[in-house]
Amino acid sequence: MVCCDRLFTVTQQAALIAGTAVRNCFGDICAEMPVYVSHGEPVGGGDYVAAWLAGISSPPVSTTGRTFFVTSRLNINVVICLAGFPRIRIQGGDLAPSPSPDEHTNAAYYSYGAMETVYRAVISELLAKPGAQLGGCDVAGFGQLVPHAPAAGNVRWSMSIFVDYKP
């Protein structure tokens, strides 16, 4: 049994919101897509949605000469990785033809669509509702939505969610 699980719960809820959005976007194709909490940014490709606690900051509050850390800001990162992005392949010892611009455009179309779905789901779930919370913590805002360069046939998007944690 774990003595404290609130940080995990906050992170897991972020992963589930994003994972549900991707699964709903693609339907049966992504029904088995792994959605999980990681200790840090996952390495490797394939289809998945992962979230992790990227950092905690605690601004000090001074009162009557004493310093307290009343609220901590959690930085939860969420990443969506999709396999099957066009790439140069080796077939029988020879390089296959480079993917066409149309192939790249089609793959980007699905990649953009998946991340836009996740972004909209997170915004509507966590910002559109007054007093929105994630795991009992107040939602404080969002970081940048970042596309990552395709690598080894995988494309990734990431975003940060900031929540205020009161111990």
C-alpha atoms as a PDB file:
ATOM      1  CA  MET A   1       0.000   0.000   0.000  1.00  0.00           C
ATOM      2  CA  VAL A   2       1.244   3.469  -0.892  1.00  0.00           C
ATOM      3  CA  CYS A   3       1.093   6.060   1.871  1.00  0.00           C
ATOM      4  CA  CYS A   4       0.355   9.008  -0.481  1.00  0.00           C
ATOM      5  CA  ASP A   5      -1.203   8.825  -3.931  1.00  0.00           C
ATOM      6  CA  ARG A   6      -2.547  12.300  -4.684  1.00  0.00           C
ATOM      7  CA  LEU A   7       0.273  13.296  -7.076  1.00  0.00           C
ATOM      8  CA  PHE A   8      -0.241  10.053  -8.976  1.00  0.00           C
ATOM      9  CA  THR A   9      -4.016  10.575  -9.083  1.00  0.00           C
ATOM     10  CA  VAL A  10      -3.668  14.092 -10.530  1.00  0.00           C
ATOM     11  CA  THR A  11      -1.268  12.810 -13.191  1.00  0.00           C
ATOM     12  CA  GLN A  12      -3.429   9.790 -13.990  1.00  0.00           C
ATOM     13  CA  GLN A  13      -6.529  11.958 -14.505  1.00  0.00           C
ATOM     14  CA  ALA A  14      -4.630  14.093 -17.023  1.00  0.00           C
ATOM     15  CA  ALA A  15      -3.586  10.943 -18.914  1.00  0.00           C
ATOM     16  CA  LEU A  16      -7.137   9.582 -18.901  1.00  0.00           C
ATOM     17  CA  ILE A  17      -8.674  12.797 -20.250  1.00  0.00           C
ATOM     18  CA  ALA A  18      -6.161  12.843 -23.124  1.00  0.00           C
ATOM     19  CA  GLY A  19      -6.354   9.087 -23.745  1.00  0.00           C
ATOM     20  CA  THR A  20     -10.135   9.048 -23.863  1.00  0.00           C
ATOM     21  CA  ALA A  21     -10.089  11.901 -26.386  1.00  0.00           C
ATOM     22  CA  VAL A  22      -7.654  10.050 -28.694  1.00  0.00           C
ATOM     23  CA  ARG A  23      -9.575   6.788 -28.424  1.00  0.00           C
ATOM     24  CA  ASN A  24     -12.843   8.602 -29.215  1.00  0.00           C
ATOM     25  CA  CYS A  25     -11.214  10.400 -32.164  1.00  0.00           C
ATOM     26  CA  PHE A  26      -9.985   7.242 -33.888  1.00  0.00           C
ATOM     27  CA  GLY A  27     -12.589   4.779 -32.615  1.00  0.00           C
ATOM     28  CA  ASP A  28     -11.809   1.073 -32.965  1.00  0.00           C
ATOM     29  CA  ILE A  29      -8.414   1.749 -34.532  1.00  0.00           C
ATOM     30  CA  CYS A  30      -7.136   3.089 -31.192  1.00  0.00           C
ATOM     31  CA  ALA A  31      -9.363   1.126 -28.813  1.00  0.00           C
ATOM     32  CA  GLU A  32      -6.331  -0.676 -27.390  1.00  0.00           C
ATOM     33  CA  MET A  33      -3.991   2.350 -27.337  1.00  0.00           C
ATOM     34  CA  PRO A  34      -2.041   2.320 -24.062  1.00  0.00           C
ATOM     35  CA  VAL A  35      -2.808   5.218 -21.719  1.00  0.00           C
ATOM     36  CA  TYR A  36      -0.531   5.362 -18.710  1.00  0.00           C
ATOM     37  CA  VAL A  37       1.378   7.332 -16.090  1.00  0.00           C
ATOM     38  CA  SER A  38       5.136   7.354 -16.517  1.00  0.00           C
ATOM     39  CA  HIS A  39       7.953   8.350 -14.202  1.00  0.00           C
ATOM     40  CA  GLY A  40       9.322  10.711 -16.858  1.00  0.00           C
ATOM     41  CA  GLU A  41       9.006  11.332 -20.567  1.00  0.00           C
ATOM     42  CA  PRO A  42       8.656   7.952 -22.277  1.00  0.00           C
ATOM     43  CA  VAL A  43      11.317   6.848 -24.731  1.00  0.00           C
ATOM     44  CA  GLY A  44      10.455   4.939 -27.854  1.00  0.00           C
ATOM     45  CA  GLY A  45       7.691   4.866 -30.379  1.00  0.00           C
ATOM     46  CA  GLY A  46       4.389   3.257 -31.023  1.00  0.00           C
ATOM     47  CA  ASP A  47       0.917   4.484 -30.265  1.00  0.00           C
ATOM     48  CA  TYR A  48       0.368   5.712 -26.705  1.00  0.00           C
ATOM     49  CA  VAL A  49      -0.750   8.530 -24.441  1.00  0.00           C
ATOM     50  CA  ALA A  50       1.336   9.109 -21.337  1.00  0.00           C
ATOM     51  CA  ALA A  51       1.457  11.662 -18.538  1.00  0.00           C
ATOM     52  CA  TRP A  52       4.069  12.351 -15.888  1.00  0.00           C
ATOM     53  CA  LEU A  53       4.860  14.834 -13.161  1.00  0.00           C
ATOM     54  CA  ALA A  54       7.492  17.072 -14.756  1.00  0.00           C
ATOM     55  CA  GLY A  55       8.113  19.276 -11.741  1.00  0.00           C
ATOM     56  CA  ILE A  56       6.816  20.954  -8.596  1.00  0.00           C
ATOM     57  CA  SER A  57       7.511  24.537  -7.602  1.00  0.00           C
ATOM     58  CA  SER A  58       6.562  26.169  -4.328  1.00  0.00           C
ATOM     59  CA  PRO A  59       6.641  29.949  -4.129  1.00  0.00           C
ATOM     60  CA  PRO A  60       7.441  31.015  -0.556  1.00  0.00           C
ATOM     61  CA  VAL A  61       4.974  33.118   1.414  1.00  0.00           C
ATOM     62  CA  SER A  62       6.354  35.267   4.250  1.00  0.00           C
ATOM     63  CA  THR A  63       4.215  36.142   7.250  1.00  0.00           C
ATOM     64  CA  THR A  64       5.445  37.751  10.461  1.00  0.00           C
ATOM     65  CA  GLY A  65       9.044  36.936   9.636  1.00  0.00           C
ATOM     66  CA  ARG A  66       8.406  33.252   8.961  1.00  0.00           C
ATOM     67  CA  THR A  67       8.372  31.664   5.508  1.00  0.00           C
ATOM     68  CA  PHE A  68       5.741  29.076   4.548  1.00  0.00           C
ATOM     69  CA  PHE A  69       5.163  27.039   1.419  1.00  0.00           C
ATOM     70  CA  VAL A  70       1.382  26.976   1.303  1.00  0.00           C
ATOM     71  CA  THR A  71       0.667  26.005  -2.295  1.00  0.00           C
ATOM     72  CA  SER A  72       2.759  24.093  -4.787  1.00  0.00           C
ATOM     73  CA  ARG A  73       2.378  24.366  -8.556  1.00  0.00           C
ATOM     74  CA  LEU A  74       2.487  20.983 -10.280  1.00  0.00           C
ATOM     75  CA  ASN A  75       3.612  20.742 -13.896  1.00  0.00           C
ATOM     76  CA  ILE A  76       1.977  17.692 -15.471  1.00  0.00           C
ATOM     77  CA  ASN A  77       3.175  16.830 -18.985  1.00  0.00           C
ATOM     78  CA  VAL A  78       1.047  14.844 -21.412  1.00  0.00           C
ATOM     79  CA  VAL A  79       2.371  13.312 -24.631  1.00  0.00           C
ATOM     80  CA  ILE A  80       0.581  11.645 -27.521  1.00  0.00           C
ATOM     81  CA  CYS A  81       2.702   9.409 -29.757  1.00  0.00           C
ATOM     82  CA  LEU A  82       1.385   8.027 -33.039  1.00  0.00           C
ATOM     83  CA  ALA A  83       3.179   5.407 -35.136  1.00  0.00           C
ATOM     84  CA  GLY A  84       3.063   5.109 -38.913  1.00  0.00           C
ATOM     85  CA  PHE A  85       4.385   8.518 -39.933  1.00  0.00           C
ATOM     86  CA  PRO A  86       6.045   8.329 -43.395  1.00  0.00           C
ATOM     87  CA  ARG A  87       9.781   7.775 -43.439  1.00  0.00           C
ATOM     88  CA  ILE A  88      12.540   6.560 -45.691  1.00  0.00           C
ATOM     89  CA  ARG A  89      12.828   2.767 -45.489  1.00  0.00           C
ATOM     90  CA  ILE A  90      15.392   0.226 -46.539  1.00  0.00           C
ATOM     91  CA  GLN A  91      14.029  -2.607 -48.676  1.00  0.00           C
ATOM     92  CA  GLY A  92      16.349  -5.440 -49.673  1.00  0.00           C
ATOM     93  CA  GLY A  93      19.449  -3.349 -48.972  1.00  0.00           C
ATOM     94  CA  ASP A  94      18.221  -0.406 -51.060  1.00  0.00           C
ATOM     95  CA  LEU A  95      16.533   2.791 -49.967  1.00  0.00           C
ATOM     96  CA  ALA A  96      12.867   2.851 -50.888  1.00  0.00           C
ATOM     97  CA  PRO A  97      11.581   6.022 -52.546  1.00  0.00           C
ATOM     98  CA  SER A  98      11.085   8.942 -50.182  1.00  0.00           C
ATOM     99  CA  PRO A  99       7.511   9.423 -49.050  1.00  0.00           C
ATOM    100  CA  SER A 100       5.615  11.869 -51.225  1.00  0.00           C
ATOM    101  CA  PRO A 101       4.372  15.255 -50.022  1.00  0.00           C
ATOM    102  CA  ASP A 102       0.859  13.816 -50.207  1.00  0.00           C
ATOM    103  CA  GLU A 103       1.833  10.990 -47.828  1.00  0.00           C
ATOM    104  CA  HIS A 104       3.323  13.491 -45.367  1.00  0.00           C
ATOM    105  CA  THR A 105       0.269  15.729 -45.636  1.00  0.00           C
ATOM    106  CA  ASN A 106      -2.127  12.831 -45.019  1.00  0.00           C
ATOM    107  CA  ALA A 107      -0.155  11.639 -41.982  1.00  0.00           C
ATOM    108  CA  ALA A 108       0.059  15.192 -40.629  1.00  0.00           C
ATOM    109  CA  TYR A 109      -3.705  15.545 -41.103  1.00  0.00           C
ATOM    110  CA  TYR A 110      -4.326  12.642 -38.695  1.00  0.00           C
ATOM    111  CA  SER A 111      -1.634  13.788 -36.295  1.00  0.00           C
ATOM    112  CA  TYR A 112      -3.019  17.327 -36.110  1.00  0.00           C
ATOM    113  CA  GLY A 113      -6.541  15.947 -35.720  1.00  0.00           C
ATOM    114  CA  ALA A 114      -5.576  13.718 -32.803  1.00  0.00           C
ATOM    115  CA  MET A 115      -3.816  16.506 -30.933  1.00  0.00           C
ATOM    116  CA  GLU A 116      -6.552  19.048 -31.628  1.00  0.00           C
ATOM    117  CA  THR A 117      -9.049  16.562 -30.189  1.00  0.00           C
ATOM    118  CA  VAL A 118      -6.924  16.120 -27.071  1.00  0.00           C
ATOM    119  CA  TYR A 119      -6.383  19.866 -26.694  1.00  0.00           C
ATOM    120  CA  ARG A 120     -10.121  20.578 -27.028  1.00  0.00           C
ATOM    121  CA  ALA A 121     -10.985  17.814 -24.545  1.00  0.00           C
ATOM    122  CA  VAL A 122      -8.500  19.085 -21.985  1.00  0.00           C
ATOM    123  CA  ILE A 123      -9.646  22.692 -22.414  1.00  0.00           C
ATOM    124  CA  SER A 124     -13.347  21.837 -22.162  1.00  0.00           C
ATOM    125  CA  GLU A 125     -12.787  19.529 -19.195  1.00  0.00           C
ATOM    126  CA  LEU A 126     -10.389  21.722 -17.247  1.00  0.00           C
ATOM    127  CA  LEU A 127     -10.870  25.337 -18.297  1.00  0.00           C
ATOM    128  CA  ALA A 128     -14.420  25.755 -19.543  1.00  0.00           C
ATOM    129  CA  LYS A 129     -15.859  24.874 -16.143  1.00  0.00           C
ATOM    130  CA  PRO A 130     -15.493  27.458 -13.358  1.00  0.00           C
ATOM    131  CA  GLY A 131     -13.506  26.047 -10.445  1.00  0.00           C
ATOM    132  CA  ALA A 132     -12.214  23.132 -12.537  1.00  0.00           C
ATOM    133  CA  GLN A 133     -10.092  20.644 -10.680  1.00  0.00           C
ATOM    134  CA  LEU A 134      -7.795  17.777 -11.542  1.00  0.00           C
ATOM    135  CA  GLY A 135      -7.470  15.204  -8.765  1.00  0.00           C
ATOM    136  CA  GLY A 136      -8.782  17.707  -6.239  1.00  0.00           C
ATOM    137  CA  CYS A 137      -6.267  20.374  -7.279  1.00  0.00           C
ATOM    138  CA  ASP A 138      -7.218  23.710  -8.837  1.00  0.00           C
ATOM    139  CA  VAL A 139      -6.311  24.036 -12.520  1.00  0.00           C
ATOM    140  CA  ALA A 140      -3.933  26.989 -12.887  1.00  0.00           C
ATOM    141  CA  GLY A 141      -3.335  26.965 -16.647  1.00  0.00           C
ATOM    142  CA  PHE A 142      -1.648  25.358 -19.600  1.00  0.00           C
ATOM    143  CA  GLY A 143       1.774  25.459 -21.167  1.00  0.00           C
ATOM    144  CA  GLN A 144       2.601  25.401 -24.809  1.00  0.00           C
ATOM    145  CA  LEU A 145       1.239  22.749 -27.179  1.00  0.00           C
ATOM    146  CA  VAL A 146       4.398  21.412 -28.857  1.00  0.00           C
ATOM    147  CA  PRO A 147       4.768  19.295 -32.001  1.00  0.00           C
ATOM    148  CA  HIS A 148       7.923  17.156 -31.972  1.00  0.00           C
ATOM    149  CA  ALA A 149       9.867  16.287 -35.106  1.00  0.00           C
ATOM    150  CA  PRO A 150       8.953  12.887 -36.552  1.00  0.00           C
ATOM    151  CA  ALA A 151      11.447  10.183 -35.650  1.00  0.00           C
ATOM    152  CA  ALA A 152      11.618   6.541 -36.760  1.00  0.00           C
ATOM    153  CA  GLY A 153       8.088   6.653 -38.140  1.00  0.00           C
ATOM    154  CA  ASN A 154       6.581   8.170 -34.982  1.00  0.00           C
ATOM    155  CA  VAL A 155       5.156  11.628 -34.404  1.00  0.00           C
ATOM    156  CA  ARG A 156       4.593  13.177 -30.962  1.00  0.00           C
ATOM    157  CA  TRP A 157       2.775  16.121 -29.459  1.00  0.00           C
ATOM    158  CA  SER A 158       3.107  17.323 -25.883  1.00  0.00           C
ATOM    159  CA  MET A 159       1.468  19.821 -23.583  1.00  0.00           C
ATOM    160  CA  SER A 160       1.732  20.901 -19.969  1.00  0.00           C
ATOM    161  CA  ILE A 161      -1.065  21.308 -17.456  1.00  0.00           C
ATOM    162  CA  PHE A 162      -0.398  23.371 -14.339  1.00  0.00           C
ATOM    163  CA  VAL A 163      -2.358  22.709 -11.162  1.00  0.00           C
ATOM    164  CA  ASP A 164      -2.135  24.137  -7.653  1.00  0.00           C
ATOM    165  CA  TYR A 165      -1.565  21.496  -5.012  1.00  0.00           C
ATOM    166  CA  LYS A 166      -2.272  22.250  -1.374  1.00  0.00           C
ATOM    167  CA  PRO A 167      -0.588  19.671   0.866  1.00  0.00           C
END
